[in-house]
mmCIF file of all heavy atoms, coordinates in Angstrom:
data_MODEL
# 
_entry.id   MODEL 
# 
loop_
_atom_site.group_PDB 
_atom_site.id 
_atom_site.type_symbol 
_atom_site.label_atom_id 
_atom_site.label_alt_id 
_atom_site.label_comp_id 
_atom_site.label_asym_id 
_atom_site.label_entity_id 
_atom_site.label_seq_id 
_atom_site.pdbx_PDB_ins_code 
_atom_site.Cartn_x 
_atom_site.Cartn_y 
_atom_site.Cartn_z 
_atom_site.occupancy 
_atom_site.B_iso_or_equiv 
_atom_site.pdbx_formal_charge 
_atom_site.auth_seq_id 
_atom_site.auth_comp_id 
_atom_site.auth_asym_id 
_atom_site.auth_atom_id 
_atom_site.pdbx_PDB_model_num 
ATOM 1   N N   . ASN A 1 1  ? -112.794 27.664 -36.626 1.00 0.00 ? 1  ASN A N   1 
ATOM 2   C CA  . ASN A 1 1  ? -114.093 28.335 -36.705 1.00 0.00 ? 1  ASN A CA  1 
ATOM 3   C C   . ASN A 1 1  ? -113.895 29.841 -36.879 1.00 0.00 ? 1  ASN A C   1 
ATOM 4   O O   . ASN A 1 1  ? -114.077 30.610 -35.934 1.00 0.00 ? 1  ASN A O   1 
ATOM 5   C CB  . ASN A 1 1  ? -114.929 28.031 -35.460 1.00 0.00 ? 1  ASN A CB  1 
ATOM 6   C CG  . ASN A 1 1  ? -116.367 28.478 -35.623 1.00 0.00 ? 1  ASN A CG  1 
ATOM 7   O OD1 . ASN A 1 1  ? -116.759 29.017 -36.649 1.00 0.00 ? 1  ASN A OD1 1 
ATOM 8   N ND2 . ASN A 1 1  ? -117.157 28.255 -34.593 1.00 0.00 ? 1  ASN A ND2 1 
ATOM 9   N N   . PRO A 1 2  ? -113.560 30.289 -38.085 1.00 0.00 ? 2  PRO A N   1 
ATOM 10  C CA  . PRO A 1 2  ? -113.292 31.709 -38.313 1.00 0.00 ? 2  PRO A CA  1 
ATOM 11  C C   . PRO A 1 2  ? -114.500 32.612 -38.068 1.00 0.00 ? 2  PRO A C   1 
ATOM 12  O O   . PRO A 1 2  ? -114.337 33.779 -37.714 1.00 0.00 ? 2  PRO A O   1 
ATOM 13  C CB  . PRO A 1 2  ? -112.876 31.787 -39.778 1.00 0.00 ? 2  PRO A CB  1 
ATOM 14  C CG  . PRO A 1 2  ? -112.760 30.403 -40.275 1.00 0.00 ? 2  PRO A CG  1 
ATOM 15  C CD  . PRO A 1 2  ? -113.347 29.483 -39.274 1.00 0.00 ? 2  PRO A CD  1 
ATOM 16  N N   . ALA A 1 3  ? -115.702 32.084 -38.208 1.00 0.00 ? 3  ALA A N   1 
ATOM 17  C CA  . ALA A 1 3  ? -116.906 32.892 -38.015 1.00 0.00 ? 3  ALA A CA  1 
ATOM 18  C C   . ALA A 1 3  ? -117.242 33.075 -36.536 1.00 0.00 ? 3  ALA A C   1 
ATOM 19  O O   . ALA A 1 3  ? -118.122 33.869 -36.197 1.00 0.00 ? 3  ALA A O   1 
ATOM 20  C CB  . ALA A 1 3  ? -118.088 32.246 -38.737 1.00 0.00 ? 3  ALA A CB  1 
ATOM 21  N N   . ALA A 1 4  ? -116.541 32.386 -35.641 1.00 0.00 ? 4  ALA A N   1 
ATOM 22  C CA  . ALA A 1 4  ? -116.843 32.472 -34.211 1.00 0.00 ? 4  ALA A CA  1 
ATOM 23  C C   . ALA A 1 4  ? -116.405 33.798 -33.598 1.00 0.00 ? 4  ALA A C   1 
ATOM 24  O O   . ALA A 1 4  ? -116.866 34.167 -32.526 1.00 0.00 ? 4  ALA A O   1 
ATOM 25  C CB  . ALA A 1 4  ? -116.165 31.325 -33.466 1.00 0.00 ? 4  ALA A CB  1 
ATOM 26  N N   . PHE A 1 5  ? -115.522 34.519 -34.277 1.00 0.00 ? 5  PHE A N   1 
ATOM 27  C CA  . PHE A 1 5  ? -114.959 35.738 -33.699 1.00 0.00 ? 5  PHE A CA  1 
ATOM 28  C C   . PHE A 1 5  ? -115.389 36.969 -34.491 1.00 0.00 ? 5  PHE A C   1 
ATOM 29  O O   . PHE A 1 5  ? -115.372 36.975 -35.714 1.00 0.00 ? 5  PHE A O   1 
ATOM 30  C CB  . PHE A 1 5  ? -113.431 35.645 -33.650 1.00 0.00 ? 5  PHE A CB  1 
ATOM 31  C CG  . PHE A 1 5  ? -112.962 34.445 -32.882 1.00 0.00 ? 5  PHE A CG  1 
ATOM 32  C CD1 . PHE A 1 5  ? -112.522 33.307 -33.556 1.00 0.00 ? 5  PHE A CD1 1 
ATOM 33  C CD2 . PHE A 1 5  ? -112.981 34.425 -31.503 1.00 0.00 ? 5  PHE A CD2 1 
ATOM 34  C CE1 . PHE A 1 5  ? -112.106 32.184 -32.857 1.00 0.00 ? 5  PHE A CE1 1 
ATOM 35  C CE2 . PHE A 1 5  ? -112.574 33.310 -30.791 1.00 0.00 ? 5  PHE A CE2 1 
ATOM 36  C CZ  . PHE A 1 5  ? -112.132 32.183 -31.465 1.00 0.00 ? 5  PHE A CZ  1 
ATOM 37  N N   . ASP A 1 6  ? -115.735 38.025 -33.739 1.00 0.00 ? 6  ASP A N   1 
ATOM 38  C CA  . ASP A 1 6  ? -116.112 39.289 -34.369 1.00 0.00 ? 6  ASP A CA  1 
ATOM 39  C C   . ASP A 1 6  ? -114.915 40.206 -34.571 1.00 0.00 ? 6  ASP A C   1 
ATOM 40  O O   . ASP A 1 6  ? -114.910 41.041 -35.466 1.00 0.00 ? 6  ASP A O   1 
ATOM 41  C CB  . ASP A 1 6  ? -117.162 39.999 -33.516 1.00 0.00 ? 6  ASP A CB  1 
ATOM 42  C CG  . ASP A 1 6  ? -118.447 39.190 -33.439 1.00 0.00 ? 6  ASP A CG  1 
ATOM 43  O OD1 . ASP A 1 6  ? -119.030 38.921 -34.508 1.00 0.00 ? 6  ASP A OD1 1 
ATOM 44  O OD2 . ASP A 1 6  ? -118.848 38.807 -32.320 1.00 0.00 ? 6  ASP A OD2 1 
ATOM 45  N N   . PHE A 1 7  ? -113.901 40.049 -33.714 1.00 0.00 ? 7  PHE A N   1 
ATOM 46  C CA  . PHE A 1 7  ? -112.669 40.816 -33.866 1.00 0.00 ? 7  PHE A CA  1 
ATOM 47  C C   . PHE A 1 7  ? -111.564 40.160 -33.043 1.00 0.00 ? 7  PHE A C   1 
ATOM 48  O O   . PHE A 1 7  ? -111.821 39.281 -32.230 1.00 0.00 ? 7  PHE A O   1 
ATOM 49  C CB  . PHE A 1 7  ? -112.844 42.289 -33.490 1.00 0.00 ? 7  PHE A CB  1 
ATOM 50  C CG  . PHE A 1 7  ? -113.135 42.572 -32.037 1.00 0.00 ? 7  PHE A CG  1 
ATOM 51  C CD1 . PHE A 1 7  ? -112.173 43.141 -31.215 1.00 0.00 ? 7  PHE A CD1 1 
ATOM 52  C CD2 . PHE A 1 7  ? -114.388 42.316 -31.488 1.00 0.00 ? 7  PHE A CD2 1 
ATOM 53  C CE1 . PHE A 1 7  ? -112.438 43.419 -29.888 1.00 0.00 ? 7  PHE A CE1 1 
ATOM 54  C CE2 . PHE A 1 7  ? -114.660 42.605 -30.161 1.00 0.00 ? 7  PHE A CE2 1 
ATOM 55  C CZ  . PHE A 1 7  ? -113.682 43.153 -29.349 1.00 0.00 ? 7  PHE A CZ  1 
ATOM 56  N N   . VAL A 1 8  ? -110.329 40.627 -33.280 1.00 0.00 ? 8  VAL A N   1 
ATOM 57  C CA  . VAL A 1 8  ? -109.146 40.068 -32.611 1.00 0.00 ? 8  VAL A CA  1 
ATOM 58  C C   . VAL A 1 8  ? -108.335 41.225 -32.034 1.00 0.00 ? 8  VAL A C   1 
ATOM 59  O O   . VAL A 1 8  ? -108.151 42.247 -32.695 1.00 0.00 ? 8  VAL A O   1 
ATOM 60  C CB  . VAL A 1 8  ? -108.271 39.272 -33.604 1.00 0.00 ? 8  VAL A CB  1 
ATOM 61  C CG1 . VAL A 1 8  ? -106.991 38.773 -32.930 1.00 0.00 ? 8  VAL A CG1 1 
ATOM 62  C CG2 . VAL A 1 8  ? -109.052 38.122 -34.221 1.00 0.00 ? 8  VAL A CG2 1 
ATOM 63  N N   . ILE A 1 9  ? -107.863 41.022 -30.803 1.00 0.00 ? 9  ILE A N   1 
ATOM 64  C CA  . ILE A 1 9  ? -106.893 41.944 -30.205 1.00 0.00 ? 9  ILE A CA  1 
ATOM 65  C C   . ILE A 1 9  ? -105.646 41.118 -29.926 1.00 0.00 ? 9  ILE A C   1 
ATOM 66  O O   . ILE A 1 9  ? -105.723 40.095 -29.248 1.00 0.00 ? 9  ILE A O   1 
ATOM 67  C CB  . ILE A 1 9  ? -107.415 42.572 -28.901 1.00 0.00 ? 9  ILE A CB  1 
ATOM 68  C CG1 . ILE A 1 9  ? -108.669 43.410 -29.170 1.00 0.00 ? 9  ILE A CG1 1 
ATOM 69  C CG2 . ILE A 1 9  ? -106.314 43.433 -28.256 1.00 0.00 ? 9  ILE A CG2 1 
ATOM 70  C CD1 . ILE A 1 9  ? -109.288 44.011 -27.917 1.00 0.00 ? 9  ILE A CD1 1 
ATOM 71  N N   . THR A 1 10 ? -104.515 41.550 -30.480 1.00 0.00 ? 10 THR A N   1 
ATOM 72  C CA  . THR A 1 10 ? -103.282 40.790 -30.302 1.00 0.00 ? 10 THR A CA  1 
ATOM 73  C C   . THR A 1 10 ? -102.115 41.684 -29.931 1.00 0.00 ? 10 THR A C   1 
ATOM 74  O O   . THR A 1 10 ? -102.020 42.828 -30.387 1.00 0.00 ? 10 THR A O   1 
ATOM 75  C CB  . THR A 1 10 ? -102.939 39.978 -31.575 1.00 0.00 ? 10 THR A CB  1 
ATOM 76  O OG1 . THR A 1 10 ? -101.755 39.214 -31.325 1.00 0.00 ? 10 THR A OG1 1 
ATOM 77  C CG2 . THR A 1 10 ? -102.734 40.856 -32.779 1.00 0.00 ? 10 THR A CG2 1 
ATOM 78  N N   . ASP A 1 11 ? -101.254 41.137 -29.085 1.00 0.00 ? 11 ASP A N   1 
ATOM 79  C CA  . ASP A 1 11 ? -99.993  41.785 -28.756 1.00 0.00 ? 11 ASP A CA  1 
ATOM 80  C C   . ASP A 1 11 ? -99.086  41.671 -29.977 1.00 0.00 ? 11 ASP A C   1 
ATOM 81  O O   . ASP A 1 11 ? -99.230  40.749 -30.789 1.00 0.00 ? 11 ASP A O   1 
ATOM 82  C CB  . ASP A 1 11 ? -99.377  41.072 -27.545 1.00 0.00 ? 11 ASP A CB  1 
ATOM 83  C CG  . ASP A 1 11 ? -98.081  41.707 -27.093 1.00 0.00 ? 11 ASP A CG  1 
ATOM 84  O OD1 . ASP A 1 11 ? -97.915  42.932 -27.270 1.00 0.00 ? 11 ASP A OD1 1 
ATOM 85  O OD2 . ASP A 1 11 ? -97.219  40.985 -26.555 1.00 0.00 ? 11 ASP A OD2 1 
ATOM 86  N N   . GLN A 1 12 ? -98.141  42.573 -30.104 1.00 0.00 ? 12 GLN A N   1 
ATOM 87  C CA  . GLN A 1 12 ? -97.202  42.527 -31.227 1.00 0.00 ? 12 GLN A CA  1 
ATOM 88  C C   . GLN A 1 12 ? -96.028  41.597 -30.940 1.00 0.00 ? 12 GLN A C   1 
ATOM 89  O O   . GLN A 1 12 ? -95.720  40.719 -31.719 1.00 0.00 ? 12 GLN A O   1 
ATOM 90  C CB  . GLN A 1 12 ? -96.688  43.940 -31.547 1.00 0.00 ? 12 GLN A CB  1 
ATOM 91  C CG  . GLN A 1 12 ? -95.463  44.000 -32.445 1.00 0.00 ? 12 GLN A CG  1 
ATOM 92  C CD  . GLN A 1 12 ? -95.616  43.324 -33.793 1.00 0.00 ? 12 GLN A CD  1 
ATOM 93  O OE1 . GLN A 1 12 ? -96.711  43.067 -34.272 1.00 0.00 ? 12 GLN A OE1 1 
ATOM 94  N NE2 . GLN A 1 12 ? -94.501  43.017 -34.424 1.00 0.00 ? 12 GLN A NE2 1 
ATOM 95  N N   . THR A 1 13 ? -95.378  41.765 -29.794 1.00 0.00 ? 13 THR A N   1 
ATOM 96  C CA  . THR A 1 13 ? -94.149  41.049 -29.516 1.00 0.00 ? 13 THR A CA  1 
ATOM 97  C C   . THR A 1 13 ? -94.447  39.749 -28.772 1.00 0.00 ? 13 THR A C   1 
ATOM 98  O O   . THR A 1 13 ? -94.726  39.760 -27.573 1.00 0.00 ? 13 THR A O   1 
ATOM 99  C CB  . THR A 1 13 ? -93.193  41.934 -28.692 1.00 0.00 ? 13 THR A CB  1 
ATOM 100 O OG1 . THR A 1 13 ? -93.031  43.171 -29.374 1.00 0.00 ? 13 THR A OG1 1 
ATOM 101 C CG2 . THR A 1 13 ? -91.851  41.265 -28.510 1.00 0.00 ? 13 THR A CG2 1 
ATOM 102 N N   . MET A 1 14 ? -94.389  38.638 -29.515 1.00 0.00 ? 14 MET A N   1 
ATOM 103 C CA  . MET A 1 14 ? -94.654  37.311 -28.957 1.00 0.00 ? 14 MET A CA  1 
ATOM 104 C C   . MET A 1 14 ? -93.727  36.304 -29.620 1.00 0.00 ? 14 MET A C   1 
ATOM 105 O O   . MET A 1 14 ? -93.275  36.524 -30.741 1.00 0.00 ? 14 MET A O   1 
ATOM 106 C CB  . MET A 1 14 ? -96.116  36.895 -29.212 1.00 0.00 ? 14 MET A CB  1 
ATOM 107 C CG  . MET A 1 14 ? -97.148  37.779 -28.562 1.00 0.00 ? 14 MET A CG  1 
ATOM 108 S SD  . MET A 1 14 ? -98.839  37.202 -28.833 1.00 0.00 ? 14 MET A SD  1 
ATOM 109 C CE  . MET A 1 14 ? -99.059  37.536 -30.581 1.00 0.00 ? 14 MET A CE  1 
ATOM 110 N N   . PRO A 1 15 ? -93.448  35.188 -28.928 1.00 0.00 ? 15 PRO A N   1 
ATOM 111 C CA  . PRO A 1 15 ? -92.632  34.146 -29.562 1.00 0.00 ? 15 PRO A CA  1 
ATOM 112 C C   . PRO A 1 15 ? -93.432  33.407 -30.638 1.00 0.00 ? 15 PRO A C   1 
ATOM 113 O O   . PRO A 1 15 ? -94.656  33.440 -30.619 1.00 0.00 ? 15 PRO A O   1 
ATOM 114 C CB  . PRO A 1 15 ? -92.287  33.217 -28.396 1.00 0.00 ? 15 PRO A CB  1 
ATOM 115 C CG  . PRO A 1 15 ? -93.340  33.455 -27.377 1.00 0.00 ? 15 PRO A CG  1 
ATOM 116 C CD  . PRO A 1 15 ? -93.810  34.867 -27.564 1.00 0.00 ? 15 PRO A CD  1 
ATOM 117 N N   . GLN A 1 16 ? -92.766  32.781 -31.550 1.00 0.00 ? 16 GLN A N   1 
ATOM 118 C CA  . GLN A 1 16 ? -93.318  31.971 -32.639 1.00 0.00 ? 16 GLN A CA  1 
ATOM 119 C C   . GLN A 1 16 ? -93.918  32.822 -33.742 1.00 0.00 ? 16 GLN A C   1 
ATOM 120 O O   . GLN A 1 16 ? -93.571  32.644 -34.889 1.00 0.00 ? 16 GLN A O   1 
ATOM 121 C CB  . GLN A 1 16 ? -94.322  30.935 -32.131 1.00 0.00 ? 16 GLN A CB  1 
ATOM 122 C CG  . GLN A 1 16 ? -93.696  29.942 -31.171 1.00 0.00 ? 16 GLN A CG  1 
ATOM 123 C CD  . GLN A 1 16 ? -94.722  29.056 -30.516 1.00 0.00 ? 16 GLN A CD  1 
ATOM 124 O OE1 . GLN A 1 16 ? -95.735  29.537 -30.014 1.00 0.00 ? 16 GLN A OE1 1 
ATOM 125 N NE2 . GLN A 1 16 ? -94.455  27.767 -30.512 1.00 0.00 ? 16 GLN A NE2 1 
ATOM 126 N N   . LEU A 1 17 ? -94.844  33.696 -33.428 1.00 0.00 ? 17 LEU A N   1 
ATOM 127 C CA  . LEU A 1 17 ? -95.429  34.608 -34.416 1.00 0.00 ? 17 LEU A CA  1 
ATOM 128 C C   . LEU A 1 17 ? -95.589  35.976 -33.770 1.00 0.00 ? 17 LEU A C   1 
ATOM 129 O O   . LEU A 1 17 ? -96.055  36.065 -32.637 1.00 0.00 ? 17 LEU A O   1 
ATOM 130 C CB  . LEU A 1 17 ? -96.836  34.154 -34.836 1.00 0.00 ? 17 LEU A CB  1 
ATOM 131 C CG  . LEU A 1 17 ? -97.019  32.919 -35.686 1.00 0.00 ? 17 LEU A CG  1 
ATOM 132 C CD1 . LEU A 1 17 ? -98.500  32.583 -35.803 1.00 0.00 ? 17 LEU A CD1 1 
ATOM 133 C CD2 . LEU A 1 17 ? -96.420  33.133 -37.069 1.00 0.00 ? 17 LEU A CD2 1 
ATOM 134 N N   . THR A 1 18 ? -95.234  37.021 -34.478 1.00 0.00 ? 18 THR A N   1 
ATOM 135 C CA  . THR A 1 18 ? -95.538  38.360 -33.965 1.00 0.00 ? 18 THR A CA  1 
ATOM 136 C C   . THR A 1 18 ? -97.031  38.614 -34.156 1.00 0.00 ? 18 THR A C   1 
ATOM 137 O O   . THR A 1 18 ? -97.704  37.909 -34.922 1.00 0.00 ? 18 THR A O   1 
ATOM 138 C CB  . THR A 1 18 ? -94.749  39.449 -34.717 1.00 0.00 ? 18 THR A CB  1 
ATOM 139 O OG1 . THR A 1 18 ? -95.210  39.490 -36.079 1.00 0.00 ? 18 THR A OG1 1 
ATOM 140 C CG2 . THR A 1 18 ? -93.250  39.210 -34.653 1.00 0.00 ? 18 THR A CG2 1 
ATOM 141 N N   . GLY A 1 19 ? -97.541  39.606 -33.478 1.00 0.00 ? 19 GLY A N   1 
ATOM 142 C CA  . GLY A 1 19 ? -98.940  39.969 -33.657 1.00 0.00 ? 19 GLY A CA  1 
ATOM 143 C C   . GLY A 1 19 ? -99.245  40.354 -35.092 1.00 0.00 ? 19 GLY A C   1 
ATOM 144 O O   . GLY A 1 19 ? -100.296 40.036 -35.636 1.00 0.00 ? 19 GLY A O   1 
ATOM 145 N N   . TYR A 1 20 ? -98.287  41.027 -35.721 1.00 0.00 ? 20 TYR A N   1 
ATOM 146 C CA  . TYR A 1 20 ? -98.454  41.423 -37.116 1.00 0.00 ? 20 TYR A CA  1 
ATOM 147 C C   . TYR A 1 20 ? -98.547  40.193 -38.024 1.00 0.00 ? 20 TYR A C   1 
ATOM 148 O O   . TYR A 1 20 ? -99.410  40.111 -38.892 1.00 0.00 ? 20 TYR A O   1 
ATOM 149 C CB  . TYR A 1 20 ? -97.297  42.325 -37.535 1.00 0.00 ? 20 TYR A CB  1 
ATOM 150 C CG  . TYR A 1 20 ? -97.387  42.763 -38.963 1.00 0.00 ? 20 TYR A CG  1 
ATOM 151 C CD1 . TYR A 1 20 ? -98.316  43.711 -39.356 1.00 0.00 ? 20 TYR A CD1 1 
ATOM 152 C CD2 . TYR A 1 20 ? -96.553  42.199 -39.922 1.00 0.00 ? 20 TYR A CD2 1 
ATOM 153 C CE1 . TYR A 1 20 ? -98.410  44.096 -40.678 1.00 0.00 ? 20 TYR A CE1 1 
ATOM 154 C CE2 . TYR A 1 20 ? -96.636  42.588 -41.239 1.00 0.00 ? 20 TYR A CE2 1 
ATOM 155 C CZ  . TYR A 1 20 ? -97.568  43.530 -41.616 1.00 0.00 ? 20 TYR A CZ  1 
ATOM 156 O OH  . TYR A 1 20 ? -97.664  43.904 -42.921 1.00 0.00 ? 20 TYR A OH  1 
ATOM 157 N N   . GLU A 1 21 ? -97.672  39.214 -37.794 1.00 0.00 ? 21 GLU A N   1 
ATOM 158 C CA  . GLU A 1 21 ? -97.708  37.985 -38.592 1.00 0.00 ? 21 GLU A CA  1 
ATOM 159 C C   . GLU A 1 21 ? -98.999  37.217 -38.346 1.00 0.00 ? 21 GLU A C   1 
ATOM 160 O O   . GLU A 1 21 ? -99.604  36.683 -39.292 1.00 0.00 ? 21 GLU A O   1 
ATOM 161 C CB  . GLU A 1 21 ? -96.507  37.094 -38.256 1.00 0.00 ? 21 GLU A CB  1 
ATOM 162 C CG  . GLU A 1 21 ? -95.179  37.667 -38.707 1.00 0.00 ? 21 GLU A CG  1 
ATOM 163 C CD  . GLU A 1 21 ? -93.981  36.950 -38.106 1.00 0.00 ? 21 GLU A CD  1 
ATOM 164 O OE1 . GLU A 1 21 ? -94.107  36.344 -37.018 1.00 0.00 ? 21 GLU A OE1 1 
ATOM 165 O OE2 . GLU A 1 21 ? -92.905  37.015 -38.734 1.00 0.00 ? 21 GLU A OE2 1 
ATOM 166 N N   . LEU A 1 22 ? -99.431  37.158 -37.089 1.00 0.00 ? 22 LEU A N   1 
ATOM 167 C CA  . LEU A 1 22 ? -100.695 36.498 -36.761 1.00 0.00 ? 22 LEU A CA  1 
ATOM 168 C C   . LEU A 1 22 ? -101.846 37.183 -37.488 1.00 0.00 ? 22 LEU A C   1 
ATOM 169 O O   . LEU A 1 22 ? -102.689 36.517 -38.102 1.00 0.00 ? 22 LEU A O   1 
ATOM 170 C CB  . LEU A 1 22 ? -100.937 36.512 -35.246 1.00 0.00 ? 22 LEU A CB  1 
ATOM 171 C CG  . LEU A 1 22 ? -102.289 35.974 -34.786 1.00 0.00 ? 22 LEU A CG  1 
ATOM 172 C CD1 . LEU A 1 22 ? -102.464 34.502 -35.153 1.00 0.00 ? 22 LEU A CD1 1 
ATOM 173 C CD2 . LEU A 1 22 ? -102.454 36.181 -33.279 1.00 0.00 ? 22 LEU A CD2 1 
ATOM 174 N N   . ALA A 1 23 ? -101.874 38.499 -37.448 1.00 0.00 ? 23 ALA A N   1 
ATOM 175 C CA  . ALA A 1 23 ? -102.942 39.249 -38.119 1.00 0.00 ? 23 ALA A CA  1 
ATOM 176 C C   . ALA A 1 23 ? -102.972 38.939 -39.613 1.00 0.00 ? 23 ALA A C   1 
ATOM 177 O O   . ALA A 1 23 ? -104.052 38.729 -40.191 1.00 0.00 ? 23 ALA A O   1 
ATOM 178 C CB  . ALA A 1 23 ? -102.752 40.746 -37.891 1.00 0.00 ? 23 ALA A CB  1 
ATOM 179 N N   . GLN A 1 24 ? -101.810 38.893 -40.237 1.00 0.00 ? 24 GLN A N   1 
ATOM 180 C CA  . GLN A 1 24 ? -101.746 38.598 -41.668 1.00 0.00 ? 24 GLN A CA  1 
ATOM 181 C C   . GLN A 1 24 ? -102.313 37.215 -41.973 1.00 0.00 ? 24 GLN A C   1 
ATOM 182 O O   . GLN A 1 24 ? -103.081 37.041 -42.927 1.00 0.00 ? 24 GLN A O   1 
ATOM 183 C CB  . GLN A 1 24 ? -100.297 38.703 -42.172 1.00 0.00 ? 24 GLN A CB  1 
ATOM 184 C CG  . GLN A 1 24 ? -99.739  40.110 -42.108 1.00 0.00 ? 24 GLN A CG  1 
ATOM 185 C CD  . GLN A 1 24 ? -100.535 41.091 -42.948 1.00 0.00 ? 24 GLN A CD  1 
ATOM 186 O OE1 . GLN A 1 24 ? -100.683 40.919 -44.145 1.00 0.00 ? 24 GLN A OE1 1 
ATOM 187 N NE2 . GLN A 1 24 ? -101.069 42.111 -42.305 1.00 0.00 ? 24 GLN A NE2 1 
ATOM 188 N N   . ARG A 1 25 ? -101.983 36.229 -41.148 1.00 0.00 ? 25 ARG A N   1 
ATOM 189 C CA  . ARG A 1 25 ? -102.489 34.863 -41.363 1.00 0.00 ? 25 ARG A CA  1 
ATOM 190 C C   . ARG A 1 25 ? -103.988 34.774 -41.112 1.00 0.00 ? 25 ARG A C   1 
ATOM 191 O O   . ARG A 1 25 ? -104.698 34.061 -41.827 1.00 0.00 ? 25 ARG A O   1 
ATOM 192 C CB  . ARG A 1 25 ? -101.734 33.875 -40.490 1.00 0.00 ? 25 ARG A CB  1 
ATOM 193 C CG  . ARG A 1 25 ? -100.285 33.747 -40.936 1.00 0.00 ? 25 ARG A CG  1 
ATOM 194 C CD  . ARG A 1 25 ? -99.600  32.604 -40.289 1.00 0.00 ? 25 ARG A CD  1 
ATOM 195 N NE  . ARG A 1 25 ? -98.190  32.594 -40.622 1.00 0.00 ? 25 ARG A NE  1 
ATOM 196 C CZ  . ARG A 1 25 ? -97.355  31.704 -40.180 1.00 0.00 ? 25 ARG A CZ  1 
ATOM 197 N NH1 . ARG A 1 25 ? -97.757  30.730 -39.375 1.00 0.00 ? 25 ARG A NH1 1 
ATOM 198 N NH2 . ARG A 1 25 ? -96.086  31.748 -40.522 1.00 0.00 ? 25 ARG A NH2 1 
# 
């Protein structure tokens, strides 16, 4: 549900995906 969120706050250093990679996806 991409329309459910108005914005995202993410940490950068995480396992599996970095915050930067998550943001890009």
